[in-house]
Amino acid sequence: MEKQNDSLIDIISKSELEKAENTQLYLIPQTFELKSNKVNTIEGILSEIQKYPEFELHYYNESNIYDDSNKIEYKKTGDNKFEFDYIPKETSANQEIRVVVVYKINNSKINLFGYTNAPVK
């Protein structure tokens, strides 16, 4: 029994070590411009790197609706990363970019919605 406990402790320790080694840290300022001599809040997000199943990428609208006409071509750049090109059609103070990752697994559909915005000059 003691031998099994030691083995389980080793497995858990290795699992925790792997998790830490396969983690990325994202730092996101809460504003686009930092203010000199003022407190600026930065959010840190830890994200574990995993291999994800194949997915589709679409733009969605304010009502969270998308279809195949909104499909986005993207390039995988890692096990948990991808990139796509975005071309704003006009200048604006605040361009909203809404995308949804669509997984189709075992006759189920899982949607992960993402949103960002940025000024367009």
PDB file of N, CA and C in Angstrom:
ATOM      1  N   MET A   1       0.827  -1.192   0.000  1.00  0.00           N
ATOM      2  CA  MET A   1       0.000   0.000   0.000  1.00  0.00           C
ATOM      3  C   MET A   1       0.878   1.266   0.000  1.00  0.00           C
ATOM      4  N   GLU A   2       1.927   1.231   0.817  1.00  0.00           N
ATOM      5  CA  GLU A   2       2.836   2.377   0.895  1.00  0.00           C
ATOM      6  C   GLU A   2       3.530   2.604  -0.439  1.00  0.00           C
ATOM      7  N   LYS A   3       3.894   1.512  -1.111  1.00  0.00           N
ATOM      8  CA  LYS A   3       4.538   1.587  -2.423  1.00  0.00           C
ATOM      9  C   LYS A   3       3.592   2.217  -3.453  1.00  0.00           C
ATOM     10  N   GLN A   4       2.295   1.854  -3.401  1.00  0.00           N
ATOM     11  CA  GLN A   4       1.305   2.435  -4.306  1.00  0.00           C
ATOM     12  C   GLN A   4       1.139   3.928  -4.040  1.00  0.00           C
ATOM     13  N   ASN A   5       1.110   4.321  -2.764  1.00  0.00           N
ATOM     14  CA  ASN A   5       0.985   5.738  -2.419  1.00  0.00           C
ATOM     15  C   ASN A   5       2.161   6.541  -2.954  1.00  0.00           C
ATOM     16  N   ASP A   6       3.383   6.008  -2.798  1.00  0.00           N
ATOM     17  CA  ASP A   6       4.569   6.684  -3.325  1.00  0.00           C
ATOM     18  C   ASP A   6       4.488   6.822  -4.841  1.00  0.00           C
ATOM     19  N   SER A   7       3.995   5.767  -5.504  1.00  0.00           N
ATOM     20  CA  SER A   7       3.848   5.793  -6.961  1.00  0.00           C
ATOM     21  C   SER A   7       2.818   6.844  -7.380  1.00  0.00           C
ATOM     22  N   LEU A   8       1.707   6.904  -6.676  1.00  0.00           N
ATOM     23  CA  LEU A   8       0.678   7.914  -6.978  1.00  0.00           C
ATOM     24  C   LEU A   8       1.199   9.330  -6.743  1.00  0.00           C
ATOM     25  N   ILE A   9       1.955   9.519  -5.702  1.00  0.00           N
ATOM     26  CA  ILE A   9       2.532  10.841  -5.411  1.00  0.00           C
ATOM     27  C   ILE A   9       3.489  11.238  -6.535  1.00  0.00           C
ATOM     28  N   ASP A  10       4.301  10.283  -7.016  1.00  0.00           N
ATOM     29  CA  ASP A  10       5.207  10.560  -8.138  1.00  0.00           C
ATOM     30  C   ASP A  10       4.430  10.939  -9.391  1.00  0.00           C
ATOM     31  N   ILE A  11       3.348  10.212  -9.677  1.00  0.00           N
ATOM     32  CA  ILE A  11       2.522  10.502 -10.865  1.00  0.00           C
ATOM     33  C   ILE A  11       1.915  11.896 -10.762  1.00  0.00           C
ATOM     34  N   ILE A  12       1.384  12.234  -9.597  1.00  0.00           N
ATOM     35  CA  ILE A  12       0.776  13.561  -9.403  1.00  0.00           C
ATOM     36  C   ILE A  12       1.838  14.647  -9.536  1.00  0.00           C
ATOM     37  N   SER A  13       3.003  14.430  -8.952  1.00  0.00           N
ATOM     38  CA  SER A  13       4.082  15.420  -9.044  1.00  0.00           C
ATOM     39  C   SER A  13       4.515  15.638 -10.487  1.00  0.00           C
ATOM     40  N   LYS A  14       4.654  14.537 -11.253  1.00  0.00           N
ATOM     41  CA  LYS A  14       5.037  14.650 -12.660  1.00  0.00           C
ATOM     42  C   LYS A  14       3.949  15.363 -13.457  1.00  0.00           C
ATOM     43  N   SER A  15       2.699  15.075 -13.138  1.00  0.00           N
ATOM     44  CA  SER A  15       1.572  15.723 -13.822  1.00  0.00           C
ATOM     45  C   SER A  15       1.573  17.233 -13.562  1.00  0.00           C
ATOM     46  N   GLU A  16       1.795  17.618 -12.324  1.00  0.00           N
ATOM     47  CA  GLU A  16       1.849  19.040 -11.983  1.00  0.00           C
ATOM     48  C   GLU A  16       3.037  19.722 -12.660  1.00  0.00           C
ATOM     49  N   LEU A  17       4.168  19.039 -12.716  1.00  0.00           N
ATOM     50  CA  LEU A  17       5.352  19.584 -13.384  1.00  0.00           C
ATOM     51  C   LEU A  17       5.088  19.763 -14.873  1.00  0.00           C
ATOM     52  N   GLU A  18       4.484  18.738 -15.524  1.00  0.00           N
ATOM     53  CA  GLU A  18       4.138  18.853 -16.945  1.00  0.00           C
ATOM     54  C   GLU A  18       3.182  20.008 -17.190  1.00  0.00           C
ATOM     55  N   LYS A  19       2.205  20.157 -16.331  1.00  0.00           N
ATOM     56  CA  LYS A  19       1.234  21.241 -16.478  1.00  0.00           C
ATOM     57  C   LYS A  19       1.941  22.596 -16.426  1.00  0.00           C
ATOM     58  N   ALA A  20       2.841  22.762 -15.458  1.00  0.00           N
ATOM     59  CA  ALA A  20       3.571  24.032 -15.339  1.00  0.00           C
ATOM     60  C   ALA A  20       4.463  24.269 -16.555  1.00  0.00           C
ATOM     61  N   GLU A  21       5.118  23.212 -17.047  1.00  0.00           N
ATOM     62  CA  GLU A  21       6.001  23.359 -18.210  1.00  0.00           C
ATOM     63  C   GLU A  21       5.221  23.658 -19.486  1.00  0.00           C
ATOM     64  N   ASN A  22       3.976  23.237 -19.561  1.00  0.00           N
ATOM     65  CA  ASN A  22       3.149  23.430 -20.752  1.00  0.00           C
ATOM     66  C   ASN A  22       2.157  24.575 -20.581  1.00  0.00           C
ATOM     67  N   THR A  23       2.558  25.580 -19.860  1.00  0.00           N
ATOM     68  CA  THR A  23       1.684  26.722 -19.614  1.00  0.00           C
ATOM     69  C   THR A  23       2.276  27.973 -20.241  1.00  0.00           C
ATOM     70  N   GLN A  24       1.392  28.774 -20.835  1.00  0.00           N
ATOM     71  CA  GLN A  24       1.797  30.077 -21.367  1.00  0.00           C
ATOM     72  C   GLN A  24       1.231  31.160 -20.459  1.00  0.00           C
ATOM     73  N   LEU A  25       1.921  32.262 -20.374  1.00  0.00           N
ATOM     74  CA  LEU A  25       1.472  33.405 -19.603  1.00  0.00           C
ATOM     75  C   LEU A  25       1.141  34.542 -20.556  1.00  0.00           C
ATOM     76  N   TYR A  26      -0.088  35.031 -20.489  1.00  0.00           N
ATOM     77  CA  TYR A  26      -0.515  36.182 -21.282  1.00  0.00           C
ATOM     78  C   TYR A  26      -0.662  37.369 -20.352  1.00  0.00           C
ATOM     79  N   LEU A  27      -0.087  38.507 -20.712  1.00  0.00           N
ATOM     80  CA  LEU A  27      -0.240  39.750 -19.960  1.00  0.00           C
ATOM     81  C   LEU A  27      -1.063  40.713 -20.794  1.00  0.00           C
ATOM     82  N   ILE A  28      -2.170  41.174 -20.217  1.00  0.00           N
ATOM     83  CA  ILE A  28      -3.101  42.019 -20.960  1.00  0.00           C
ATOM     84  C   ILE A  28      -3.350  43.310 -20.175  1.00  0.00           C
ATOM     85  N   PRO A  29      -2.875  44.437 -20.688  1.00  0.00           N
ATOM     86  CA  PRO A  29      -3.179  45.703 -20.021  1.00  0.00           C
ATOM     87  C   PRO A  29      -4.671  46.003 -20.141  1.00  0.00           C
ATOM     88  N   GLN A  30      -5.246  46.640 -19.120  1.00  0.00           N
ATOM     89  CA  GLN A  30      -6.673  46.943 -19.163  1.00  0.00           C
ATOM     90  C   GLN A  30      -6.990  48.167 -20.014  1.00  0.00           C
ATOM     91  N   THR A  31      -5.958  48.864 -20.482  1.00  0.00           N
ATOM     92  CA  THR A  31      -6.157  49.996 -21.390  1.00  0.00           C
ATOM     93  C   THR A  31      -5.153  49.878 -22.537  1.00  0.00           C
ATOM     94  N   PHE A  32      -5.462  50.535 -23.665  1.00  0.00           N
ATOM     95  CA  PHE A  32      -4.547  50.506 -24.800  1.00  0.00           C
ATOM     96  C   PHE A  32      -3.293  51.319 -24.542  1.00  0.00           C
ATOM     97  N   GLU A  33      -3.425  52.351 -23.743  1.00  0.00           N
ATOM     98  CA  GLU A  33      -2.278  53.214 -23.450  1.00  0.00           C
ATOM     99  C   GLU A  33      -2.041  53.228 -21.939  1.00  0.00           C
ATOM    100  N   LEU A  34      -0.775  53.011 -21.537  1.00  0.00           N
ATOM    101  CA  LEU A  34      -0.434  53.088 -20.126  1.00  0.00           C
ATOM    102  C   LEU A  34      -0.221  54.541 -19.746  1.00  0.00           C
ATOM    103  N   LYS A  35      -0.589  54.883 -18.524  1.00  0.00           N
ATOM    104  CA  LYS A  35      -0.467  56.268 -18.063  1.00  0.00           C
ATOM    105  C   LYS A  35       0.774  56.429 -17.203  1.00  0.00           C
ATOM    106  N   SER A  36       1.560  57.432 -17.523  1.00  0.00           N
ATOM    107  CA  SER A  36       2.786  57.728 -16.806  1.00  0.00           C
ATOM    108  C   SER A  36       2.466  58.158 -15.374  1.00  0.00           C
ATOM    109  N   ASN A  37       3.248  57.657 -14.417  1.00  0.00           N
ATOM    110  CA  ASN A  37       3.127  58.003 -13.009  1.00  0.00           C
ATOM    111  C   ASN A  37       1.748  57.705 -12.429  1.00  0.00           C
ATOM    112  N   LYS A  38       1.020  56.763 -13.005  1.00  0.00           N
ATOM    113  CA  LYS A  38      -0.305  56.344 -12.521  1.00  0.00           C
ATOM    114  C   LYS A  38      -0.313  54.823 -12.415  1.00  0.00           C
ATOM    115  N   VAL A  39      -1.215  54.312 -11.590  1.00  0.00           N
ATOM    116  CA  VAL A  39      -1.383  52.866 -11.484  1.00  0.00           C
ATOM    117  C   VAL A  39      -2.056  52.356 -12.749  1.00  0.00           C
ATOM    118  N   ASN A  40      -1.471  51.359 -13.382  1.00  0.00           N
ATOM    119  CA  ASN A  40      -2.034  50.703 -14.560  1.00  0.00           C
ATOM    120  C   ASN A  40      -2.223  49.230 -14.204  1.00  0.00           C
ATOM    121  N   THR A  41      -3.422  48.720 -14.383  1.00  0.00           N
ATOM    122  CA  THR A  41      -3.707  47.329 -14.050  1.00  0.00           C
ATOM    123  C   THR A  41      -3.417  46.436 -15.248  1.00  0.00           C
ATOM    124  N   ILE A  42      -2.671  45.367 -14.999  1.00  0.00           N
ATOM    125  CA  ILE A  42      -2.333  44.379 -16.017  1.00  0.00           C
ATOM    126  C   ILE A  42      -2.912  43.046 -15.550  1.00  0.00           C
ATOM    127  N   GLU A  43      -3.665  42.387 -16.432  1.00  0.00           N
ATOM    128  CA  GLU A  43      -4.211  41.075 -16.098  1.00  0.00           C
ATOM    129  C   GLU A  43      -3.268  40.005 -16.629  1.00  0.00           C
ATOM    130  N   GLY A  44      -3.011  38.979 -15.825  1.00  0.00           N
ATOM    131  CA  GLY A  44      -2.212  37.838 -16.235  1.00  0.00           C
ATOM    132  C   GLY A  44      -3.111  36.623 -16.370  1.00  0.00           C
ATOM    133  N   ILE A  45      -2.971  35.899 -17.459  1.00  0.00           N
ATOM    134  CA  ILE A  45      -3.760  34.689 -17.689  1.00  0.00           C
ATOM    135  C   ILE A  45      -2.810  33.543 -17.960  1.00  0.00           C
ATOM    136  N   LEU A  46      -2.978  32.458 -17.210  1.00  0.00           N
ATOM    137  CA  LEU A  46      -2.202  31.247 -17.424  1.00  0.00           C
ATOM    138  C   LEU A  46      -3.039  30.304 -18.278  1.00  0.00           C
ATOM    139  N   SER A  47      -2.461  29.794 -19.333  1.00  0.00           N
ATOM    140  CA  SER A  47      -3.177  28.918 -20.251  1.00  0.00           C
ATOM    141  C   SER A  47      -2.325  27.690 -20.527  1.00  0.00           C
ATOM    142  N   GLU A  48      -2.885  26.525 -20.265  1.00  0.00           N
ATOM    143  CA  GLU A  48      -2.150  25.289 -20.498  1.00  0.00           C
ATOM    144  C   GLU A  48      -2.144  24.958 -21.985  1.00  0.00           C
ATOM    145  N   ILE A  49      -0.981  24.625 -22.512  1.00  0.00           N
ATOM    146  CA  ILE A  49      -0.842  24.258 -23.911  1.00  0.00           C
ATOM    147  C   ILE A  49      -1.285  22.804 -24.064  1.00  0.00           C
ATOM    148  N   GLN A  50      -2.242  22.594 -24.942  1.00  0.00           N
ATOM    149  CA  GLN A  50      -2.743  21.259 -25.223  1.00  0.00           C
ATOM    150  C   GLN A  50      -2.908  21.120 -26.726  1.00  0.00           C
ATOM    151  N   LYS A  51      -3.032  19.902 -27.175  1.00  0.00           N
ATOM    152  CA  LYS A  51      -3.394  19.685 -28.571  1.00  0.00           C
ATOM    153  C   LYS A  51      -4.911  19.719 -28.637  1.00  0.00           C
ATOM    154  N   TYR A  52      -5.426  20.522 -29.533  1.00  0.00           N
ATOM    155  CA  TYR A  52      -6.868  20.671 -29.672  1.00  0.00           C
ATOM    156  C   TYR A  52      -7.337  19.997 -30.952  1.00  0.00           C
ATOM    157  N   PRO A  53      -8.584  19.509 -30.954  1.00  0.00           N
ATOM    158  CA  PRO A  53      -9.105  18.894 -32.182  1.00  0.00           C
ATOM    159  C   PRO A  53      -9.276  19.943 -33.272  1.00  0.00           C
ATOM    160  N   GLU A  54      -9.428  19.486 -34.499  1.00  0.00           N
ATOM    161  CA  GLU A  54      -9.657  20.400 -35.623  1.00  0.00           C
ATOM    162  C   GLU A  54     -10.916  21.222 -35.368  1.00  0.00           C
ATOM    163  N   PHE A  55     -10.929  22.435 -35.910  1.00  0.00           N
ATOM    164  CA  PHE A  55     -12.072  23.318 -35.709  1.00  0.00           C
ATOM    165  C   PHE A  55     -12.259  24.210 -36.912  1.00  0.00           C
ATOM    166  N   GLU A  56     -13.415  24.860 -36.953  1.00  0.00           N
ATOM    167  CA  GLU A  56     -13.699  25.911 -37.932  1.00  0.00           C
ATOM    168  C   GLU A  56     -13.658  27.238 -37.185  1.00  0.00           C
ATOM    169  N   LEU A  57     -13.406  28.304 -37.927  1.00  0.00           N
ATOM    170  CA  LEU A  57     -13.378  29.642 -37.356  1.00  0.00           C
ATOM    171  C   LEU A  57     -14.320  30.516 -38.168  1.00  0.00           C
ATOM    172  N   HIS A  58     -15.180  31.271 -37.491  1.00  0.00           N
ATOM    173  CA  HIS A  58     -16.168  32.128 -38.147  1.00  0.00           C
ATOM    174  C   HIS A  58     -16.221  33.479 -37.446  1.00  0.00           C
ATOM    175  N   TYR A  59     -16.624  34.517 -38.191  1.00  0.00           N
ATOM    176  CA  TYR A  59     -17.039  35.770 -37.565  1.00  0.00           C
ATOM    177  C   TYR A  59     -18.477  35.576 -37.109  1.00  0.00           C
ATOM    178  N   TYR A  60     -18.851  36.210 -36.005  1.00  0.00           N
ATOM    179  CA  TYR A  60     -20.248  36.173 -35.566  1.00  0.00           C
ATOM    180  C   TYR A  60     -20.729  37.602 -35.331  1.00  0.00           C
ATOM    181  N   ASN A  61     -22.049  37.781 -35.264  1.00  0.00           N
ATOM    182  CA  ASN A  61     -22.600  39.123 -35.097  1.00  0.00           C
ATOM    183  C   ASN A  61     -22.994  39.386 -33.637  1.00  0.00           C
ATOM    184  N   GLU A  62     -23.609  40.537 -33.390  1.00  0.00           N
ATOM    185  CA  GLU A  62     -23.982  40.956 -32.032  1.00  0.00           C
ATOM    186  C   GLU A  62     -24.941  39.971 -31.367  1.00  0.00           C
ATOM    187  N   SER A  63     -25.663  39.186 -32.163  1.00  0.00           N
ATOM    188  CA  SER A  63     -26.617  38.210 -31.630  1.00  0.00           C
ATOM    189  C   SER A  63     -25.999  36.816 -31.504  1.00  0.00           C
ATOM    190  N   ASN A  64     -24.684  36.723 -31.624  1.00  0.00           N
ATOM    191  CA  ASN A  64     -23.951  35.454 -31.556  1.00  0.00           C
ATOM    192  C   ASN A  64     -24.351  34.481 -32.665  1.00  0.00           C
ATOM    193  N   ILE A  65     -24.702  35.018 -33.840  1.00  0.00           N
ATOM    194  CA  ILE A  65     -25.105  34.197 -34.977  1.00  0.00           C
ATOM    195  C   ILE A  65     -23.983  34.199 -36.010  1.00  0.00           C
ATOM    196  N   TYR A  66     -23.727  33.026 -36.584  1.00  0.00           N
ATOM    197  CA  TYR A  66     -22.728  32.873 -37.632  1.00  0.00           C
ATOM    198  C   TYR A  66     -23.215  31.802 -38.590  1.00  0.00           C
ATOM    199  N   ASP A  67     -22.638  31.773 -39.790  1.00  0.00           N
ATOM    200  CA  ASP A  67     -22.929  30.701 -40.753  1.00  0.00           C
ATOM    201  C   ASP A  67     -21.705  30.511 -41.639  1.00  0.00           C
ATOM    202  N   ASP A  68     -21.810  29.628 -42.612  1.00  0.00           N
ATOM    203  CA  ASP A  68     -20.651  29.323 -43.458  1.00  0.00           C
ATOM    204  C   ASP A  68     -20.174  30.513 -44.285  1.00  0.00           C
ATOM    205  N   SER A  69     -21.036  31.503 -44.519  1.00  0.00           N
ATOM    206  CA  SER A  69     -20.599  32.686 -45.263  1.00  0.00           C
ATOM    207  C   SER A  69     -19.631  33.542 -44.449  1.00  0.00           C
ATOM    208  N   ASN A  70     -19.562  33.296 -43.132  1.00  0.00           N
ATOM    209  CA  ASN A  70     -18.674  34.045 -42.247  1.00  0.00           C
ATOM    210  C   ASN A  70     -17.425  33.253 -41.865  1.00  0.00           C
ATOM    211  N   LYS A  71     -17.150  32.182 -42.601  1.00  0.00           N
ATOM    212  CA  LYS A  71     -16.015  31.322 -42.280  1.00  0.00           C
ATOM    213  C   LYS A  71     -14.702  32.059 -42.532  1.00  0.00           C
ATOM    214  N   ILE A  72     -13.733  31.836 -41.655  1.00  0.00           N
ATOM    215  CA  ILE A  72     -12.430  32.508 -41.725  1.00  0.00           C
ATOM    216  C   ILE A  72     -11.354  31.475 -42.026  1.00  0.00           C
ATOM    217  N   GLU A  73     -10.493  31.780 -42.977  1.00  0.00           N
ATOM    218  CA  GLU A  73      -9.307  30.958 -43.221  1.00  0.00           C
ATOM    219  C   GLU A  73      -8.282  31.326 -42.148  1.00  0.00           C
ATOM    220  N   TYR A  74      -7.689  30.338 -41.543  1.00  0.00           N
ATOM    221  CA  TYR A  74      -6.696  30.589 -40.506  1.00  0.00           C
ATOM    222  C   TYR A  74      -5.530  29.627 -40.673  1.00  0.00           C
ATOM    223  N   LYS A  75      -4.443  29.944 -39.966  1.00  0.00           N
ATOM    224  CA  LYS A  75      -3.257  29.089 -39.996  1.00  0.00           C
ATOM    225  C   LYS A  75      -2.932  28.687 -38.564  1.00  0.00           C
ATOM    226  N   LYS A  76      -2.785  27.374 -38.323  1.00  0.00           N
ATOM    227  CA  LYS A  76      -2.362  26.923 -37.000  1.00  0.00           C
ATOM    228  C   LYS A  76      -0.885  27.253 -36.840  1.00  0.00           C
ATOM    229  N   THR A  77      -0.539  27.844 -35.714  1.00  0.00           N
ATOM    230  CA  THR A  77       0.844  28.222 -35.456  1.00  0.00           C
ATOM    231  C   THR A  77       1.415  27.489 -34.242  1.00  0.00           C
ATOM    232  N   GLY A  78       0.686  26.519 -33.736  1.00  0.00           N
ATOM    233  CA  GLY A  78       1.109  25.720 -32.588  1.00  0.00           C
ATOM    234  C   GLY A  78      -0.038  24.826 -32.158  1.00  0.00           C
ATOM    235  N   ASP A  79       0.190  24.031 -31.118  1.00  0.00           N
ATOM    236  CA  ASP A  79      -0.854  23.122 -30.651  1.00  0.00           C
ATOM    237  C   ASP A  79      -2.091  23.869 -30.165  1.00  0.00           C
ATOM    238  N   ASN A  80      -1.906  25.064 -29.624  1.00  0.00           N
ATOM    239  CA  ASN A  80      -3.031  25.828 -29.099  1.00  0.00           C
ATOM    240  C   ASN A  80      -3.080  27.248 -29.657  1.00  0.00           C
ATOM    241  N   LYS A  81      -2.466  27.463 -30.811  1.00  0.00           N
ATOM    242  CA  LYS A  81      -2.411  28.812 -31.384  1.00  0.00           C
ATOM    243  C   LYS A  81      -2.811  28.789 -32.849  1.00  0.00           C
ATOM    244  N   PHE A  82      -3.384  29.902 -33.275  1.00  0.00           N
ATOM    245  CA  PHE A  82      -3.690  30.090 -34.687  1.00  0.00           C
ATOM    246  C   PHE A  82      -3.661  31.582 -34.971  1.00  0.00           C
ATOM    247  N   GLU A  83      -3.614  31.915 -36.255  1.00  0.00           N
ATOM    248  CA  GLU A  83      -3.677  33.318 -36.640  1.00  0.00           C
ATOM    249  C   GLU A  83      -4.485  33.440 -37.921  1.00  0.00           C
ATOM    250  N   PHE A  84      -5.073  34.632 -38.091  1.00  0.00           N
ATOM    251  CA  PHE A  84      -5.819  34.922 -39.310  1.00  0.00           C
ATOM    252  C   PHE A  84      -5.623  36.386 -39.654  1.00  0.00           C
ATOM    253  N   ASP A  85      -5.818  36.709 -40.918  1.00  0.00           N
ATOM    254  CA  ASP A  85      -5.684  38.089 -41.368  1.00  0.00           C
ATOM    255  C   ASP A  85      -7.030  38.788 -41.259  1.00  0.00           C
ATOM    256  N   TYR A  86      -6.991  40.024 -40.808  1.00  0.00           N
ATOM    257  CA  TYR A  86      -8.204  40.824 -40.657  1.00  0.00           C
ATOM    258  C   TYR A  86      -7.966  42.169 -41.331  1.00  0.00           C
ATOM    259  N   ILE A  87      -8.849  42.562 -42.230  1.00  0.00           N
ATOM    260  CA  ILE A  87      -8.716  43.837 -42.935  1.00  0.00           C
ATOM    261  C   ILE A  87      -9.942  44.697 -42.639  1.00  0.00           C
ATOM    262  N   PRO A  88      -9.794  45.734 -41.811  1.00  0.00           N
ATOM    263  CA  PRO A  88     -10.928  46.627 -41.556  1.00  0.00           C
ATOM    264  C   PRO A  88     -11.309  47.374 -42.833  1.00  0.00           C
ATOM    265  N   LYS A  89     -12.583  47.589 -43.022  1.00  0.00           N
ATOM    266  CA  LYS A  89     -13.067  48.241 -44.239  1.00  0.00           C
ATOM    267  C   LYS A  89     -13.142  49.758 -44.109  1.00  0.00           C
ATOM    268  N   GLU A  90     -13.081  50.265 -42.884  1.00  0.00           N
ATOM    269  CA  GLU A  90     -13.164  51.713 -42.682  1.00  0.00           C
ATOM    270  C   GLU A  90     -12.460  52.090 -41.387  1.00  0.00           C
ATOM    271  N   THR A  91     -12.113  53.365 -41.266  1.00  0.00           N
ATOM    272  CA  THR A  91     -11.524  53.833 -40.016  1.00  0.00           C
ATOM    273  C   THR A  91     -12.639  54.015 -38.997  1.00  0.00           C
ATOM    274  N   SER A  92     -12.298  53.759 -37.743  1.00  0.00           N
ATOM    275  CA  SER A  92     -13.271  53.957 -36.667  1.00  0.00           C
ATOM    276  C   SER A  92     -12.522  54.051 -35.351  1.00  0.00           C
ATOM    277  N   ALA A  93     -13.178  54.654 -34.394  1.00  0.00           N
ATOM    278  CA  ALA A  93     -12.562  54.781 -33.079  1.00  0.00           C
ATOM    279  C   ALA A  93     -12.489  53.427 -32.382  1.00  0.00           C
ATOM    280  N   ASN A  94     -13.407  52.515 -32.745  1.00  0.00           N
ATOM    281  CA  ASN A  94     -13.460  51.239 -32.060  1.00  0.00           C
ATOM    282  C   ASN A  94     -13.979  50.161 -33.000  1.00  0.00           C
ATOM    283  N   GLN A  95     -13.089  49.357 -33.561  1.00  0.00           N
ATOM    284  CA  GLN A  95     -13.468  48.265 -34.453  1.00  0.00           C
ATOM    285  C   GLN A  95     -13.647  46.997 -33.626  1.00  0.00           C
ATOM    286  N   GLU A  96     -14.839  46.394 -33.692  1.00  0.00           N
ATOM    287  CA  GLU A  96     -15.109  45.166 -32.954  1.00  0.00           C
ATOM    288  C   GLU A  96     -14.798  43.956 -33.828  1.00  0.00           C
ATOM    289  N   ILE A  97     -14.107  42.984 -33.246  1.00  0.00           N
ATOM    290  CA  ILE A  97     -13.771  41.754 -33.957  1.00  0.00           C
ATOM    291  C   ILE A  97     -14.329  40.601 -33.122  1.00  0.00           C
ATOM    292  N   ARG A  98     -15.283  39.894 -33.702  1.00  0.00           N
ATOM    293  CA  ARG A  98     -15.928  38.775 -33.018  1.00  0.00           C
ATOM    294  C   ARG A  98     -15.663  37.494 -33.814  1.00  0.00           C
ATOM    295  N   VAL A  99     -15.066  36.498 -33.165  1.00  0.00           N
ATOM    296  CA  VAL A  99     -14.847  35.223 -33.828  1.00  0.00           C
ATOM    297  C   VAL A  99     -15.330  34.097 -32.917  1.00  0.00           C
ATOM    298  N   VAL A 100     -15.705  33.006 -33.547  1.00  0.00           N
ATOM    299  CA  VAL A 100     -16.127  31.821 -32.798  1.00  0.00           C
ATOM    300  C   VAL A 100     -15.358  30.615 -33.333  1.00  0.00           C
ATOM    301  N   VAL A 101     -14.792  29.833 -32.427  1.00  0.00           N
ATOM    302  CA  VAL A 101     -14.172  28.561 -32.759  1.00  0.00           C
ATOM    303  C   VAL A 101     -15.265  27.512 -32.640  1.00  0.00           C
ATOM    304  N   VAL A 102     -15.442  26.711 -33.687  1.00  0.00           N
ATOM    305  CA  VAL A 102     -16.504  25.705 -33.714  1.00  0.00           C
ATOM    306  C   VAL A 102     -15.880  24.320 -33.786  1.00  0.00           C
ATOM    307  N   TYR A 103     -16.049  23.557 -32.713  1.00  0.00           N
ATOM    308  CA  TYR A 103     -15.618  22.165 -32.679  1.00  0.00           C
ATOM    309  C   TYR A 103     -16.817  21.292 -33.018  1.00  0.00           C
ATOM    310  N   LYS A 104     -16.605  20.302 -33.877  1.00  0.00           N
ATOM    311  CA  LYS A 104     -17.638  19.310 -34.171  1.00  0.00           C
ATOM    312  C   LYS A 104     -17.078  17.956 -33.743  1.00  0.00           C
ATOM    313  N   ILE A 105     -17.565  17.464 -32.593  1.00  0.00           N
ATOM    314  CA  ILE A 105     -17.033  16.249 -31.999  1.00  0.00           C
ATOM    315  C   ILE A 105     -18.187  15.307 -31.659  1.00  0.00           C
ATOM    316  N   ASN A 106     -18.144  14.093 -32.215  1.00  0.00           N
ATOM    317  CA  ASN A 106     -19.147  13.064 -31.901  1.00  0.00           C
ATOM    318  C   ASN A 106     -20.576  13.588 -32.004  1.00  0.00           C
ATOM    319  N   ASN A 107     -20.908  14.170 -33.115  1.00  0.00           N
ATOM    320  CA  ASN A 107     -22.255  14.709 -33.375  1.00  0.00           C
ATOM    321  C   ASN A 107     -22.645  15.842 -32.431  1.00  0.00           C
ATOM    322  N   SER A 108     -21.679  16.422 -31.736  1.00  0.00           N
ATOM    323  CA  SER A 108     -21.924  17.585 -30.886  1.00  0.00           C
ATOM    324  C   SER A 108     -21.181  18.774 -31.475  1.00  0.00           C
ATOM    325  N   LYS A 109     -21.705  19.952 -31.205  1.00  0.00           N
ATOM    326  CA  LYS A 109     -21.048  21.176 -31.658  1.00  0.00           C
ATOM    327  C   LYS A 109     -20.743  22.028 -30.428  1.00  0.00           C
ATOM    328  N   ILE A 110     -19.488  22.431 -30.304  1.00  0.00           N
ATOM    329  CA  ILE A 110     -19.064  23.267 -29.186  1.00  0.00           C
ATOM    330  C   ILE A 110     -18.565  24.584 -29.759  1.00  0.00           C
ATOM    331  N   ASN A 111     -19.108  25.696 -29.268  1.00  0.00           N
ATOM    332  CA  ASN A 111     -18.733  27.035 -29.726  1.00  0.00           C
ATOM    333  C   ASN A 111     -17.960  27.761 -28.627  1.00  0.00           C
ATOM    334  N   LEU A 112     -16.807  28.305 -28.990  1.00  0.00           N
ATOM    335  CA  LEU A 112     -16.035  29.159 -28.082  1.00  0.00           C
ATOM    336  C   LEU A 112     -15.988  30.551 -28.703  1.00  0.00           C
ATOM    337  N   PHE A 113     -16.660  31.502 -28.076  1.00  0.00           N
ATOM    338  CA  PHE A 113     -16.748  32.849 -28.612  1.00  0.00           C
ATOM    339  C   PHE A 113     -15.607  33.714 -28.084  1.00  0.00           C
ATOM    340  N   GLY A 114     -15.004  34.492 -28.985  1.00  0.00           N
ATOM    341  CA  GLY A 114     -13.945  35.419 -28.611  1.00  0.00           C
ATOM    342  C   GLY A 114     -14.252  36.801 -29.149  1.00  0.00           C
ATOM    343  N   TYR A 115     -13.815  37.823 -28.422  1.00  0.00           N
ATOM    344  CA  TYR A 115     -14.112  39.197 -28.808  1.00  0.00           C
ATOM    345  C   TYR A 115     -12.915  40.072 -28.458  1.00  0.00           C
ATOM    346  N   THR A 116     -12.616  40.990 -29.349  1.00  0.00           N
ATOM    347  CA  THR A 116     -11.635  42.038 -29.049  1.00  0.00           C
ATOM    348  C   THR A 116     -12.037  43.283 -29.821  1.00  0.00           C
ATOM    349  N   ASN A 117     -11.460  44.408 -29.464  1.00  0.00           N
ATOM    350  CA  ASN A 117     -11.696  45.616 -30.237  1.00  0.00           C
ATOM    351  C   ASN A 117     -10.418  46.441 -30.267  1.00  0.00           C
ATOM    352  N   ALA A 118     -10.328  47.287 -31.294  1.00  0.00           N
ATOM    353  CA  ALA A 118      -9.138  48.122 -31.448  1.00  0.00           C
ATOM    354  C   ALA A 118      -9.494  49.304 -32.346  1.00  0.00           C
ATOM    355  N   PRO A 119      -8.855  50.430 -32.115  1.00  0.00           N
ATOM    356  CA  PRO A 119      -9.084  51.558 -33.013  1.00  0.00           C
ATOM    357  C   PRO A 119      -8.465  51.302 -34.378  1.00  0.00           C
ATOM    358  N   VAL A 120      -9.085  51.842 -35.418  1.00  0.00           N
ATOM    359  CA  VAL A 120      -8.581  51.723 -36.792  1.00  0.00           C
ATOM    360  C   VAL A 120      -8.264  53.127 -37.287  1.00  0.00           C
ATOM    361  N   LYS A 121      -7.032  53.339 -37.732  1.00  0.00           N
ATOM    362  CA  LYS A 121      -6.635  54.672 -38.204  1.00  0.00           C
ATOM    363  C   LYS A 121      -6.506  54.681 -39.701  1.00  0.00           C
TER     364      LYS A 121
END
